[in-house]
Amino acid sequence: MVNPVSLIQISVGAIFINNFVLSRFLGLCPFFGVSKKLSSATGMGMAVIFVMTMASSFTWVIYNYILHPYALEYLRTIVFILVIAGLVQLVEMALQKYSPALYESLGIFLPLITTNCAVLGVAIINTDINPVTGLPFSFIESVWNGIMSGVGFSLALILMAGLREKLEFAPVPKALEGLPIAFITAGLMALAFLGFAGLNFFPGVGG
């Protein structure tokens, strides 16, 4: 039986305290590449949530019923990457058929989800110990952590896109136009999210 409090703690931790982009600094390539427009950032966020959720479920089953029982843990990374690549291909085909405009706007960054270390990161984290319970992640906790990690990634992406759209009309110094001001903005966002570390939901995290 999954404790609802544990799911709430996982949610707060994945979205705010251990946000993959702003706290763990994973998945920065699509974060900076797709955050120029709010529409493309939202589309990428939805795609990442889907891939993280499906990857969490598939990789948890593969690890706990195939890799771990047969002492094949050393194959974890390569197997997880293959699973993620297959899921990204599925998303790419679906978008190409049902939303060609979004598919074109995401461009090269959609296939890059395959090598997005945030997606691989959540899959690997789900095979370790749950910091909330001190026990291995259950299947439900693993899937929930994948969903909430995707929501946290999407939140950072959408916030960044909104700020960058505003910055297009701001009097930014010439030397800071483009990526330089984006890096500074991301750094300030990371400092702001650092304040959530005070929510001591996890042992050893927070003040």
Protein backbone atom coordinates (compact mmCIF):
# COMPACT_ATOMS: atom_id res chain seq x y z
CA MET A 1 0.00 0.00 0.00
CA VAL A 2 1.45 3.34 -1.06
CA ASN A 3 1.39 6.08 1.55
CA PRO A 4 -0.31 9.23 0.10
CA VAL A 5 2.00 11.39 2.21
CA SER A 6 4.96 9.75 0.47
CA LEU A 7 3.49 10.68 -2.92
CA ILE A 8 3.03 14.29 -1.79
CA GLN A 9 6.63 14.42 -0.57
CA ILE A 10 7.85 12.94 -3.86
CA SER A 11 5.82 15.58 -5.74
CA VAL A 12 7.22 18.54 -3.79
CA GLY A 13 10.73 17.11 -3.99
CA ALA A 14 10.66 16.41 -7.73
CA ILE A 15 9.06 19.73 -8.73
CA PHE A 16 10.71 22.19 -6.37
CA ILE A 17 13.47 20.85 -4.12
CA ASN A 18 15.26 18.58 -6.61
CA ASN A 19 14.07 20.14 -9.87
CA PHE A 20 16.06 18.43 -12.62
CA VAL A 21 16.90 21.65 -14.45
CA LEU A 22 17.30 24.21 -11.68
CA SER A 23 18.68 22.02 -8.87
CA ARG A 24 20.31 19.01 -10.54
CA PHE A 25 21.27 20.95 -13.72
CA LEU A 26 20.24 18.10 -16.03
CA GLY A 27 18.53 18.49 -19.41
CA LEU A 28 19.98 21.96 -20.04
CA CYS A 29 20.26 21.48 -23.82
CA PRO A 30 16.50 21.37 -24.52
CA PHE A 31 15.95 23.82 -21.67
CA PHE A 32 17.89 26.57 -23.45
CA GLY A 33 17.09 25.40 -26.98
CA VAL A 34 13.29 25.26 -26.76
CA SER A 35 12.59 28.03 -24.23
CA LYS A 36 12.55 30.84 -26.79
CA LYS A 37 8.78 30.57 -27.32
CA LEU A 38 6.06 29.64 -24.85
CA SER A 39 4.23 27.44 -27.36
CA SER A 40 7.21 25.25 -28.18
CA ALA A 41 8.23 25.12 -24.49
CA THR A 42 4.76 23.85 -23.55
CA GLY A 43 4.87 21.22 -26.30
CA MET A 44 8.32 20.05 -25.24
CA GLY A 45 7.19 19.95 -21.61
CA MET A 46 4.26 17.68 -22.45
CA ALA A 47 6.54 15.42 -24.50
CA VAL A 48 9.05 15.17 -21.65
CA ILE A 49 6.31 14.37 -19.11
CA PHE A 50 5.08 11.55 -21.35
CA VAL A 51 8.56 10.15 -21.97
CA MET A 52 9.58 10.40 -18.29
CA THR A 53 6.37 8.67 -17.16
CA MET A 54 6.63 5.83 -19.67
CA ALA A 55 10.38 5.48 -19.16
CA SER A 56 9.91 5.26 -15.38
CA SER A 57 7.37 2.45 -15.70
CA PHE A 58 9.22 0.43 -18.35
CA THR A 59 12.68 0.79 -16.82
CA TRP A 60 11.43 -0.08 -13.30
CA VAL A 61 9.90 -3.32 -14.58
CA ILE A 62 12.98 -4.20 -16.66
CA TYR A 63 15.37 -3.48 -13.81
CA ASN A 64 13.44 -5.25 -11.04
CA TYR A 65 12.35 -8.31 -13.02
CA ILE A 66 15.22 -8.81 -15.48
CA LEU A 67 18.42 -6.92 -14.71
CA HIS A 68 18.51 -7.20 -10.92
CA PRO A 69 17.39 -10.86 -10.56
CA TYR A 70 19.96 -12.00 -13.14
CA ALA A 71 22.78 -9.76 -11.84
CA LEU A 72 22.81 -7.66 -15.01
CA GLU A 73 22.79 -4.28 -13.26
CA TYR A 74 25.87 -3.23 -15.22
CA LEU A 75 23.66 -3.08 -18.35
CA ARG A 76 21.31 -0.59 -16.70
CA THR A 77 22.43 2.55 -18.50
CA ILE A 78 22.52 1.15 -22.03
CA VAL A 79 19.19 -0.68 -21.60
CA PHE A 80 17.53 2.45 -20.22
CA ILE A 81 18.83 4.54 -23.13
CA LEU A 82 17.39 2.03 -25.62
CA VAL A 83 14.00 2.15 -23.88
CA ILE A 84 14.01 5.97 -23.86
CA ALA A 85 15.02 6.08 -27.53
CA GLY A 86 12.08 3.86 -28.44
CA LEU A 87 9.65 6.05 -26.49
CA VAL A 88 10.98 9.23 -28.08
CA GLN A 89 10.54 7.69 -31.51
CA LEU A 90 6.92 6.98 -30.58
CA VAL A 91 6.36 10.60 -29.50
CA GLU A 92 8.06 11.90 -32.64
CA MET A 93 5.82 9.81 -34.91
CA ALA A 94 2.68 10.88 -33.02
CA LEU A 95 3.56 14.59 -33.21
CA GLN A 96 4.50 14.35 -36.88
CA LYS A 97 1.07 12.87 -37.63
CA TYR A 98 -1.23 14.80 -35.30
CA SER A 99 0.61 18.10 -34.72
CA PRO A 100 2.96 18.91 -37.65
CA ALA A 101 3.31 22.55 -36.55
CA LEU A 102 4.56 21.60 -33.10
CA TYR A 103 6.77 18.92 -34.64
CA GLU A 104 8.41 21.54 -36.87
CA SER A 105 8.80 24.06 -34.05
CA LEU A 106 10.56 21.55 -31.79
CA GLY A 107 12.90 20.59 -34.62
CA ILE A 108 16.14 18.85 -33.63
CA PHE A 109 15.36 19.17 -29.92
CA LEU A 110 12.66 16.49 -30.04
CA PRO A 111 15.10 13.67 -30.96
CA LEU A 112 17.46 15.12 -28.36
CA ILE A 113 15.08 13.88 -25.64
CA THR A 114 16.73 10.52 -26.32
CA THR A 115 19.99 11.86 -24.90
CA ASN A 116 18.29 14.13 -22.35
CA CYS A 117 20.11 13.23 -19.16
CA ALA A 118 17.08 14.30 -17.10
CA VAL A 119 15.02 11.43 -18.55
CA LEU A 120 17.84 8.96 -17.98
CA GLY A 121 18.40 10.48 -14.54
CA VAL A 122 14.86 9.86 -13.31
CA ALA A 123 14.99 6.27 -14.60
CA ILE A 124 18.22 5.63 -12.68
CA ILE A 125 16.96 7.38 -9.53
CA ASN A 126 13.91 5.09 -9.54
CA THR A 127 16.17 2.05 -9.21
CA ASP A 128 17.76 3.45 -6.05
CA ILE A 129 16.46 4.06 -2.54
CA ASN A 130 13.48 6.36 -2.04
CA PRO A 131 14.82 9.12 0.25
CA VAL A 132 11.35 9.58 1.74
CA THR A 133 10.75 6.00 2.91
CA GLY A 134 14.32 4.68 3.01
CA LEU A 135 13.13 1.72 0.90
CA PRO A 136 13.48 0.97 -2.83
CA PHE A 137 10.98 2.80 -5.02
CA SER A 138 7.77 0.82 -5.58
CA PHE A 139 6.27 0.72 -9.06
CA ILE A 140 3.66 3.38 -8.23
CA GLU A 141 6.24 5.61 -6.55
CA SER A 142 8.53 5.20 -9.55
CA VAL A 143 5.83 6.19 -12.04
CA TRP A 144 4.71 9.08 -9.84
CA ASN A 145 8.27 10.31 -9.50
CA GLY A 146 8.56 10.21 -13.30
CA ILE A 147 5.37 12.25 -13.73
CA MET A 148 6.33 14.84 -11.13
CA SER A 149 9.90 15.11 -12.44
CA GLY A 150 8.42 15.82 -15.87
CA VAL A 151 6.12 18.44 -14.35
CA GLY A 152 9.12 20.07 -12.66
CA PHE A 153 11.03 20.07 -15.95
CA SER A 154 8.01 21.57 -17.74
CA LEU A 155 7.56 24.23 -15.05
CA ALA A 156 11.16 25.37 -15.40
CA LEU A 157 10.87 25.33 -19.20
CA ILE A 158 7.63 27.34 -19.29
CA LEU A 159 8.86 29.88 -16.72
CA MET A 160 12.05 30.35 -18.73
CA ALA A 161 10.12 30.73 -21.99
CA GLY A 162 7.87 33.38 -20.46
CA LEU A 163 10.86 35.34 -19.20
CA ARG A 164 12.72 35.08 -22.51
CA GLU A 165 9.68 36.35 -24.41
CA LYS A 166 9.60 39.37 -22.09
CA LEU A 167 13.35 39.90 -22.50
CA GLU A 168 12.92 40.30 -26.26
CA PHE A 169 11.32 43.67 -25.57
CA ALA A 170 13.64 44.63 -22.71
CA PRO A 171 16.60 47.02 -23.12
CA VAL A 172 19.24 44.30 -22.77
CA PRO A 173 22.87 45.40 -23.31
CA LYS A 174 24.19 44.35 -26.72
CA ALA A 175 26.86 42.07 -25.22
CA LEU A 176 24.22 40.14 -23.25
CA GLU A 177 21.65 39.57 -26.00
CA GLY A 178 20.66 35.97 -26.75
CA LEU A 179 22.17 33.15 -24.73
CA PRO A 180 24.21 35.31 -22.27
CA ILE A 181 21.08 36.89 -20.76
CA ALA A 182 19.38 33.48 -20.87
CA PHE A 183 22.22 31.97 -18.79
CA ILE A 184 21.98 34.82 -16.27
CA THR A 185 18.20 34.41 -16.06
CA ALA A 186 18.54 30.65 -15.54
CA GLY A 187 21.08 31.27 -12.77
CA LEU A 188 18.70 33.63 -10.98
CA MET A 189 15.89 31.09 -11.34
CA ALA A 190 18.15 28.41 -9.85
CA LEU A 191 18.92 30.69 -6.89
CA ALA A 192 15.20 31.28 -6.40
CA PHE A 193 14.45 27.53 -6.43
CA LEU A 194 17.30 27.01 -3.96
CA GLY A 195 15.00 28.58 -1.39
CA PHE A 196 12.77 25.49 -1.59
CA ALA A 197 15.62 23.46 -0.07
CA GLY A 198 14.39 24.81 3.25
CA LEU A 199 11.40 22.48 2.90
CA ASN A 200 13.16 19.61 4.63
CA PHE A 201 11.14 16.79 3.04
CA PHE A 202 14.16 14.56 2.59
CA PRO A 203 16.85 13.44 5.04
CA GLY A 204 19.95 15.56 4.51
CA VAL A 205 18.15 18.08 2.28
CA GLY A 206 17.24 21.53 3.41
CA GLY A 207 18.08 23.56 6.45
